[in-house]
């Protein structure tokens, strides 16, 4: 049996002239909801490139869950960008006094960054990363 036959994948986007776009929002949302509570809602889905990882990541805001942002590493085959059932990197962000604690992939290494704070309260934006074997 080949590795390809053992791996489940789902195409979520494509790269044209170096710019990545989401082409299948329902599948992208399903990938990002993996491992979250059934009440979790995903919004602002996009694909970002991490220079440090030399890889594209599917990124989304999360609400109704302790996780506030999530990023899943994508793989490229020609123009197609797909999420695979592993192995891959998954980043989750947990914000406290930070309504917008999201993965930041524009710098050298992925990390979580607080994009919005609550006045008078100290923001906290924690990152958890793991190698995933399924989505």
N, C-alpha and C. Protein backbone atom coordinates (compact mmCIF):
# COMPACT_ATOMS: atom_id res chain seq x y z
N UNK A 1 0.85 -1.18 0.00
CA UNK A 1 0.00 0.00 0.00
C UNK A 1 0.89 1.24 0.00
N UNK A 2 0.58 2.20 -0.81
CA UNK A 2 1.39 3.42 -0.90
C UNK A 2 0.99 4.40 0.19
N UNK A 3 1.89 5.32 0.48
CA UNK A 3 1.61 6.36 1.47
C UNK A 3 0.40 7.18 1.05
N UNK A 4 0.29 7.48 -0.24
CA UNK A 4 -0.81 8.28 -0.74
C UNK A 4 -2.16 7.60 -0.45
N UNK A 5 -2.20 6.29 -0.56
CA UNK A 5 -3.45 5.56 -0.31
C UNK A 5 -3.84 5.61 1.16
N UNK A 6 -2.86 5.81 2.05
CA UNK A 6 -3.14 5.83 3.47
C UNK A 6 -3.49 7.22 3.99
N UNK A 7 -3.24 8.25 3.21
CA UNK A 7 -3.39 9.62 3.67
C UNK A 7 -4.70 10.22 3.16
N UNK A 8 -5.46 10.81 4.07
CA UNK A 8 -6.66 11.55 3.67
C UNK A 8 -6.29 13.00 3.48
N UNK A 9 -6.72 13.58 2.37
CA UNK A 9 -6.44 14.99 2.10
C UNK A 9 -7.72 15.69 1.67
N UNK A 10 -7.71 17.01 1.82
CA UNK A 10 -8.80 17.83 1.32
C UNK A 10 -8.22 19.13 0.79
N UNK A 11 -8.57 19.46 -0.43
CA UNK A 11 -8.08 20.69 -1.06
C UNK A 11 -8.89 21.87 -0.55
N UNK A 12 -8.18 22.90 -0.08
CA UNK A 12 -8.85 24.07 0.50
C UNK A 12 -8.52 25.37 -0.23
N UNK A 13 -7.48 25.37 -1.07
CA UNK A 13 -7.10 26.61 -1.73
C UNK A 13 -6.17 26.38 -2.90
N UNK A 14 -5.71 27.50 -3.46
CA UNK A 14 -4.75 27.42 -4.56
C UNK A 14 -3.84 28.64 -4.53
N UNK A 15 -2.70 28.49 -5.21
CA UNK A 15 -1.73 29.57 -5.32
C UNK A 15 -1.64 29.97 -6.78
N UNK A 16 -1.88 31.25 -7.05
CA UNK A 16 -1.75 31.80 -8.40
C UNK A 16 -0.87 33.03 -8.30
N UNK A 17 0.21 33.03 -9.07
CA UNK A 17 1.18 34.13 -9.06
C UNK A 17 1.66 34.45 -7.65
N UNK A 18 1.91 33.42 -6.85
CA UNK A 18 2.44 33.59 -5.51
C UNK A 18 1.43 33.99 -4.45
N UNK A 19 0.17 34.21 -4.85
CA UNK A 19 -0.86 34.60 -3.89
C UNK A 19 -1.80 33.42 -3.63
N UNK A 20 -1.99 33.09 -2.35
CA UNK A 20 -2.85 31.96 -1.96
C UNK A 20 -4.25 32.46 -1.64
N UNK A 21 -5.25 31.71 -2.10
CA UNK A 21 -6.64 32.03 -1.80
C UNK A 21 -7.38 30.76 -1.39
N UNK A 22 -8.39 30.93 -0.55
CA UNK A 22 -9.26 29.83 -0.15
C UNK A 22 -10.23 29.59 -1.29
N UNK A 23 -10.33 28.34 -1.74
CA UNK A 23 -11.25 28.00 -2.82
C UNK A 23 -12.39 27.11 -2.37
N UNK A 24 -12.29 26.53 -1.18
CA UNK A 24 -13.33 25.66 -0.65
C UNK A 24 -13.53 26.00 0.83
N UNK A 25 -14.38 27.01 1.07
CA UNK A 25 -14.57 27.53 2.42
C UNK A 25 -15.16 26.48 3.37
N UNK A 26 -16.09 25.65 2.89
CA UNK A 26 -16.69 24.66 3.79
C UNK A 26 -15.65 23.63 4.26
N UNK A 27 -14.79 23.18 3.37
CA UNK A 27 -13.74 22.23 3.77
C UNK A 27 -12.69 22.92 4.64
N UNK A 28 -12.35 24.16 4.33
CA UNK A 28 -11.39 24.90 5.14
C UNK A 28 -11.92 25.06 6.57
N UNK A 29 -13.20 25.37 6.69
CA UNK A 29 -13.83 25.52 8.01
C UNK A 29 -13.82 24.18 8.75
N UNK A 30 -14.11 23.10 8.05
CA UNK A 30 -14.11 21.77 8.68
C UNK A 30 -12.72 21.41 9.20
N UNK A 31 -11.68 21.72 8.43
CA UNK A 31 -10.31 21.45 8.85
C UNK A 31 -9.98 22.24 10.11
N UNK A 32 -10.34 23.52 10.15
CA UNK A 32 -10.03 24.36 11.31
C UNK A 32 -10.83 23.95 12.55
N UNK A 33 -12.03 23.41 12.36
CA UNK A 33 -12.85 22.98 13.51
C UNK A 33 -12.35 21.68 14.13
N UNK A 34 -11.49 20.95 13.45
CA UNK A 34 -10.97 19.69 13.97
C UNK A 34 -10.35 19.86 15.34
N UNK A 35 -10.80 19.06 16.31
CA UNK A 35 -10.25 19.11 17.66
C UNK A 35 -10.87 20.16 18.56
N UNK A 36 -11.76 20.99 18.04
CA UNK A 36 -12.42 22.01 18.85
C UNK A 36 -13.78 21.49 19.33
N UNK A 37 -14.39 22.21 20.27
CA UNK A 37 -15.70 21.81 20.76
C UNK A 37 -16.75 21.92 19.66
N UNK A 38 -17.86 21.22 19.83
CA UNK A 38 -18.91 21.24 18.81
C UNK A 38 -19.55 22.62 18.68
N UNK A 39 -19.43 23.46 19.70
CA UNK A 39 -20.00 24.81 19.65
C UNK A 39 -19.08 25.82 18.98
N UNK A 40 -17.84 25.43 18.70
CA UNK A 40 -16.87 26.36 18.12
C UNK A 40 -17.35 26.86 16.76
N UNK A 41 -17.11 28.14 16.52
CA UNK A 41 -17.45 28.76 15.24
C UNK A 41 -16.16 29.34 14.64
N UNK A 42 -16.01 29.21 13.33
CA UNK A 42 -14.82 29.68 12.62
C UNK A 42 -15.20 30.86 11.73
N UNK A 43 -14.36 31.90 11.74
CA UNK A 43 -14.59 33.06 10.87
C UNK A 43 -13.25 33.59 10.35
N UNK A 44 -13.33 34.51 9.42
CA UNK A 44 -12.14 35.16 8.85
C UNK A 44 -11.10 34.15 8.38
N UNK A 45 -11.53 33.18 7.62
CA UNK A 45 -10.63 32.13 7.12
C UNK A 45 -9.76 32.70 6.00
N UNK A 46 -8.45 32.43 6.10
CA UNK A 46 -7.52 32.89 5.07
C UNK A 46 -6.35 31.92 5.00
N UNK A 47 -5.50 32.13 4.01
CA UNK A 47 -4.28 31.34 3.88
C UNK A 47 -3.11 32.31 3.94
N UNK A 48 -2.18 32.04 4.84
CA UNK A 48 -1.00 32.88 5.04
C UNK A 48 0.26 32.07 4.80
N UNK A 49 1.32 32.74 4.38
CA UNK A 49 2.59 32.07 4.16
C UNK A 49 3.54 32.37 5.30
N UNK A 50 4.19 31.35 5.84
CA UNK A 50 5.21 31.51 6.88
C UNK A 50 6.58 31.36 6.24
N UNK A 51 7.33 32.45 6.22
CA UNK A 51 8.66 32.42 5.62
C UNK A 51 9.58 31.46 6.38
N UNK A 52 9.48 31.45 7.70
CA UNK A 52 10.33 30.58 8.51
C UNK A 52 10.06 29.11 8.27
N UNK A 53 8.81 28.75 8.12
CA UNK A 53 8.44 27.36 7.88
C UNK A 53 8.46 27.00 6.40
N UNK A 54 8.56 28.02 5.54
CA UNK A 54 8.49 27.82 4.08
C UNK A 54 7.24 27.01 3.72
N UNK A 55 6.12 27.43 4.32
CA UNK A 55 4.88 26.68 4.16
C UNK A 55 3.68 27.61 4.27
N UNK A 56 2.58 27.21 3.64
CA UNK A 56 1.31 27.92 3.77
C UNK A 56 0.54 27.35 4.96
N UNK A 57 -0.22 28.23 5.62
CA UNK A 57 -1.07 27.83 6.74
C UNK A 57 -2.48 28.33 6.50
N UNK A 58 -3.45 27.49 6.81
CA UNK A 58 -4.86 27.86 6.83
C UNK A 58 -5.10 28.48 8.20
N UNK A 59 -5.66 29.70 8.24
CA UNK A 59 -5.80 30.45 9.49
C UNK A 59 -7.24 30.89 9.65
N UNK A 60 -7.74 30.86 10.90
CA UNK A 60 -9.09 31.34 11.16
C UNK A 60 -9.28 31.79 12.59
N UNK A 61 -10.22 32.71 12.78
CA UNK A 61 -10.63 33.12 14.12
C UNK A 61 -11.57 32.05 14.67
N UNK A 62 -11.51 31.81 15.97
CA UNK A 62 -12.39 30.85 16.62
C UNK A 62 -13.17 31.56 17.71
N UNK A 63 -14.48 31.28 17.78
CA UNK A 63 -15.30 31.80 18.86
C UNK A 63 -16.07 30.64 19.48
N UNK A 64 -16.66 30.86 20.65
CA UNK A 64 -17.40 29.85 21.40
C UNK A 64 -16.53 28.66 21.79
N UNK A 65 -15.25 28.92 22.08
CA UNK A 65 -14.31 27.87 22.45
C UNK A 65 -13.16 28.54 23.21
N UNK A 66 -12.45 27.80 24.08
CA UNK A 66 -11.29 28.40 24.74
C UNK A 66 -10.20 28.83 23.76
N UNK A 67 -10.13 28.18 22.59
CA UNK A 67 -9.19 28.58 21.54
C UNK A 67 -9.77 29.80 20.85
N UNK A 68 -8.93 30.82 20.59
CA UNK A 68 -9.41 32.03 19.94
C UNK A 68 -8.92 32.18 18.50
N UNK A 69 -7.90 31.41 18.14
CA UNK A 69 -7.38 31.42 16.78
C UNK A 69 -6.69 30.11 16.49
N UNK A 70 -6.68 29.71 15.23
CA UNK A 70 -6.07 28.43 14.88
C UNK A 70 -5.44 28.52 13.50
N UNK A 71 -4.33 27.80 13.32
CA UNK A 71 -3.65 27.70 12.03
C UNK A 71 -3.27 26.25 11.80
N UNK A 72 -3.46 25.77 10.58
CA UNK A 72 -3.13 24.40 10.21
C UNK A 72 -2.22 24.46 8.98
N UNK A 73 -1.10 23.75 9.04
CA UNK A 73 -0.16 23.72 7.93
C UNK A 73 -0.79 23.07 6.70
N UNK A 74 -0.56 23.69 5.55
CA UNK A 74 -1.05 23.15 4.28
C UNK A 74 0.13 22.62 3.46
N UNK A 75 -0.18 21.80 2.49
CA UNK A 75 0.81 21.24 1.58
C UNK A 75 0.43 21.64 0.17
N UNK A 76 1.42 21.71 -0.70
CA UNK A 76 1.18 22.20 -2.05
C UNK A 76 1.49 21.12 -3.08
N UNK A 77 0.59 21.00 -4.06
CA UNK A 77 0.79 20.11 -5.20
C UNK A 77 0.42 20.93 -6.43
N UNK A 78 1.42 21.44 -7.13
CA UNK A 78 1.15 22.36 -8.23
C UNK A 78 0.55 23.64 -7.66
N UNK A 79 -0.62 24.03 -8.16
CA UNK A 79 -1.30 25.22 -7.64
C UNK A 79 -2.17 24.90 -6.43
N UNK A 80 -2.53 23.64 -6.25
CA UNK A 80 -3.46 23.24 -5.19
C UNK A 80 -2.80 23.25 -3.81
N UNK A 81 -3.53 23.76 -2.83
CA UNK A 81 -3.13 23.72 -1.42
C UNK A 81 -4.09 22.80 -0.70
N UNK A 82 -3.55 21.84 0.04
CA UNK A 82 -4.41 20.88 0.71
C UNK A 82 -3.97 20.62 2.14
N UNK A 83 -4.94 20.24 2.96
CA UNK A 83 -4.68 19.80 4.33
C UNK A 83 -4.63 18.29 4.28
N UNK A 84 -3.65 17.72 4.97
CA UNK A 84 -3.50 16.27 4.99
C UNK A 84 -3.77 15.75 6.39
N UNK A 85 -4.17 14.50 6.47
CA UNK A 85 -4.47 13.87 7.75
C UNK A 85 -3.18 13.54 8.49
N UNK A 86 -2.15 14.29 8.26
CA UNK A 86 -0.92 14.23 9.02
C UNK A 86 0.23 13.64 8.24
N UNK A 87 1.44 13.80 8.74
CA UNK A 87 1.71 14.71 9.84
C UNK A 87 1.75 16.16 9.38
N UNK A 88 1.48 17.05 10.27
CA UNK A 88 1.49 18.48 9.97
C UNK A 88 1.52 19.27 11.26
N UNK A 89 1.68 20.57 11.16
CA UNK A 89 1.75 21.43 12.32
C UNK A 89 0.41 22.13 12.51
N UNK A 90 -0.05 22.18 13.75
CA UNK A 90 -1.27 22.89 14.10
C UNK A 90 -0.93 23.85 15.23
N UNK A 91 -1.38 25.08 15.11
CA UNK A 91 -1.13 26.11 16.12
C UNK A 91 -2.48 26.59 16.65
N UNK A 92 -2.63 26.62 17.98
CA UNK A 92 -3.83 27.17 18.58
C UNK A 92 -3.42 28.31 19.51
N UNK A 93 -4.26 29.33 19.57
CA UNK A 93 -4.00 30.50 20.40
C UNK A 93 -5.11 30.65 21.43
N UNK A 94 -4.72 30.94 22.67
CA UNK A 94 -5.66 31.14 23.76
C UNK A 94 -5.44 32.55 24.30
N UNK A 95 -6.47 33.39 24.21
CA UNK A 95 -6.34 34.77 24.67
C UNK A 95 -7.08 35.02 25.97
N UNK A 96 -6.45 35.80 26.83
CA UNK A 96 -7.08 36.25 28.07
C UNK A 96 -6.91 37.77 28.12
N UNK A 97 -8.02 38.48 28.25
CA UNK A 97 -8.02 39.95 28.13
C UNK A 97 -7.48 40.39 26.77
N UNK A 98 -7.68 39.53 25.80
CA UNK A 98 -7.24 39.77 24.43
C UNK A 98 -8.29 39.17 23.51
N UNK A 99 -9.26 39.96 23.06
CA UNK A 99 -10.33 39.43 22.21
C UNK A 99 -9.85 38.91 20.86
N UNK A 100 -8.65 39.30 20.44
CA UNK A 100 -8.15 38.88 19.14
C UNK A 100 -6.72 38.34 19.27
N UNK A 101 -6.60 37.12 19.81
CA UNK A 101 -5.32 36.42 19.96
C UNK A 101 -5.25 35.43 18.80
N UNK A 102 -4.41 35.75 17.81
CA UNK A 102 -4.39 35.00 16.56
C UNK A 102 -2.98 34.58 16.16
N UNK A 103 -2.86 33.51 15.37
CA UNK A 103 -1.54 33.14 14.84
C UNK A 103 -0.98 34.26 13.97
N UNK A 104 0.29 34.57 14.16
CA UNK A 104 1.00 35.56 13.36
C UNK A 104 2.05 34.80 12.57
N UNK A 105 1.89 34.73 11.27
CA UNK A 105 2.78 33.95 10.42
C UNK A 105 3.66 34.82 9.54
N UNK A 106 3.61 36.10 9.73
CA UNK A 106 4.36 37.00 8.86
C UNK A 106 5.81 37.16 9.29
N UNK A 107 6.13 36.77 10.49
CA UNK A 107 7.51 36.86 10.97
C UNK A 107 8.23 35.55 10.73
N UNK A 108 9.44 35.43 11.27
CA UNK A 108 10.27 34.28 10.98
C UNK A 108 9.63 32.95 11.39
N UNK A 109 9.06 32.86 12.58
CA UNK A 109 8.43 31.64 13.06
C UNK A 109 6.99 31.94 13.47
N UNK A 110 6.09 30.99 13.27
CA UNK A 110 4.70 31.21 13.72
C UNK A 110 4.64 31.43 15.23
N UNK A 111 3.75 32.32 15.64
CA UNK A 111 3.52 32.59 17.06
C UNK A 111 2.14 33.19 17.19
N UNK A 112 1.66 33.30 18.42
CA UNK A 112 0.37 33.95 18.65
C UNK A 112 0.62 35.39 19.07
N UNK A 113 -0.23 36.28 18.60
CA UNK A 113 -0.06 37.71 18.85
C UNK A 113 -1.41 38.30 19.22
N UNK A 114 -1.40 39.20 20.19
CA UNK A 114 -2.62 39.89 20.61
C UNK A 114 -2.80 41.12 19.72
N UNK A 115 -3.86 41.11 18.93
CA UNK A 115 -4.12 42.21 18.00
C UNK A 115 -5.08 43.25 18.57
N UNK A 116 -5.72 42.92 19.69
CA UNK A 116 -6.70 43.83 20.29
C UNK A 116 -6.67 43.60 21.80
N UNK A 117 -6.64 44.66 22.58
CA UNK A 117 -6.58 44.52 24.03
C UNK A 117 -7.79 45.17 24.70
N UNK A 118 -7.97 44.83 25.96
CA UNK A 118 -9.02 45.44 26.77
C UNK A 118 -8.35 46.50 27.65
N UNK A 119 -8.75 47.77 27.54
CA UNK A 119 -8.10 48.83 28.32
C UNK A 119 -8.12 48.52 29.82
N UNK A 120 -6.97 48.76 30.46
CA UNK A 120 -6.86 48.57 31.90
C UNK A 120 -6.61 47.14 32.35
N UNK A 121 -6.54 46.21 31.42
CA UNK A 121 -6.29 44.82 31.77
C UNK A 121 -5.07 44.32 31.00
N UNK A 122 -4.27 43.50 31.68
CA UNK A 122 -3.07 42.98 31.05
C UNK A 122 -3.43 41.83 30.10
N UNK A 123 -3.10 41.97 28.83
CA UNK A 123 -3.45 40.91 27.87
C UNK A 123 -2.50 39.72 27.97
N UNK A 124 -3.03 38.57 27.66
CA UNK A 124 -2.24 37.34 27.61
C UNK A 124 -2.65 36.60 26.34
N UNK A 125 -1.67 36.15 25.60
CA UNK A 125 -1.93 35.47 24.33
C UNK A 125 -0.96 34.29 24.24
N UNK A 126 -1.45 33.10 24.59
CA UNK A 126 -0.61 31.91 24.64
C UNK A 126 -0.73 31.08 23.37
N UNK A 127 0.39 30.46 23.00
CA UNK A 127 0.41 29.60 21.82
C UNK A 127 0.67 28.16 22.23
N UNK A 128 -0.03 27.27 21.55
CA UNK A 128 0.22 25.85 21.69
C UNK A 128 0.40 25.29 20.29
N UNK A 129 1.47 24.59 20.04
CA UNK A 129 1.66 23.98 18.73
C UNK A 129 1.84 22.49 18.92
N UNK A 130 1.43 21.74 17.91
CA UNK A 130 1.57 20.29 17.99
C UNK A 130 1.63 19.71 16.57
N UNK A 131 2.17 18.53 16.51
CA UNK A 131 2.16 17.78 15.26
C UNK A 131 0.85 17.01 15.23
N UNK A 132 0.10 17.16 14.17
CA UNK A 132 -1.20 16.46 14.06
C UNK A 132 -1.05 15.24 13.18
N UNK A 133 -1.90 14.24 13.48
CA UNK A 133 -1.93 13.06 12.63
C UNK A 133 -3.27 12.92 11.93
N UNK A 134 -4.22 13.81 12.27
CA UNK A 134 -5.52 13.82 11.57
C UNK A 134 -6.16 15.18 11.77
N UNK A 135 -7.16 15.49 10.93
CA UNK A 135 -7.88 16.74 11.10
C UNK A 135 -9.34 16.47 11.31
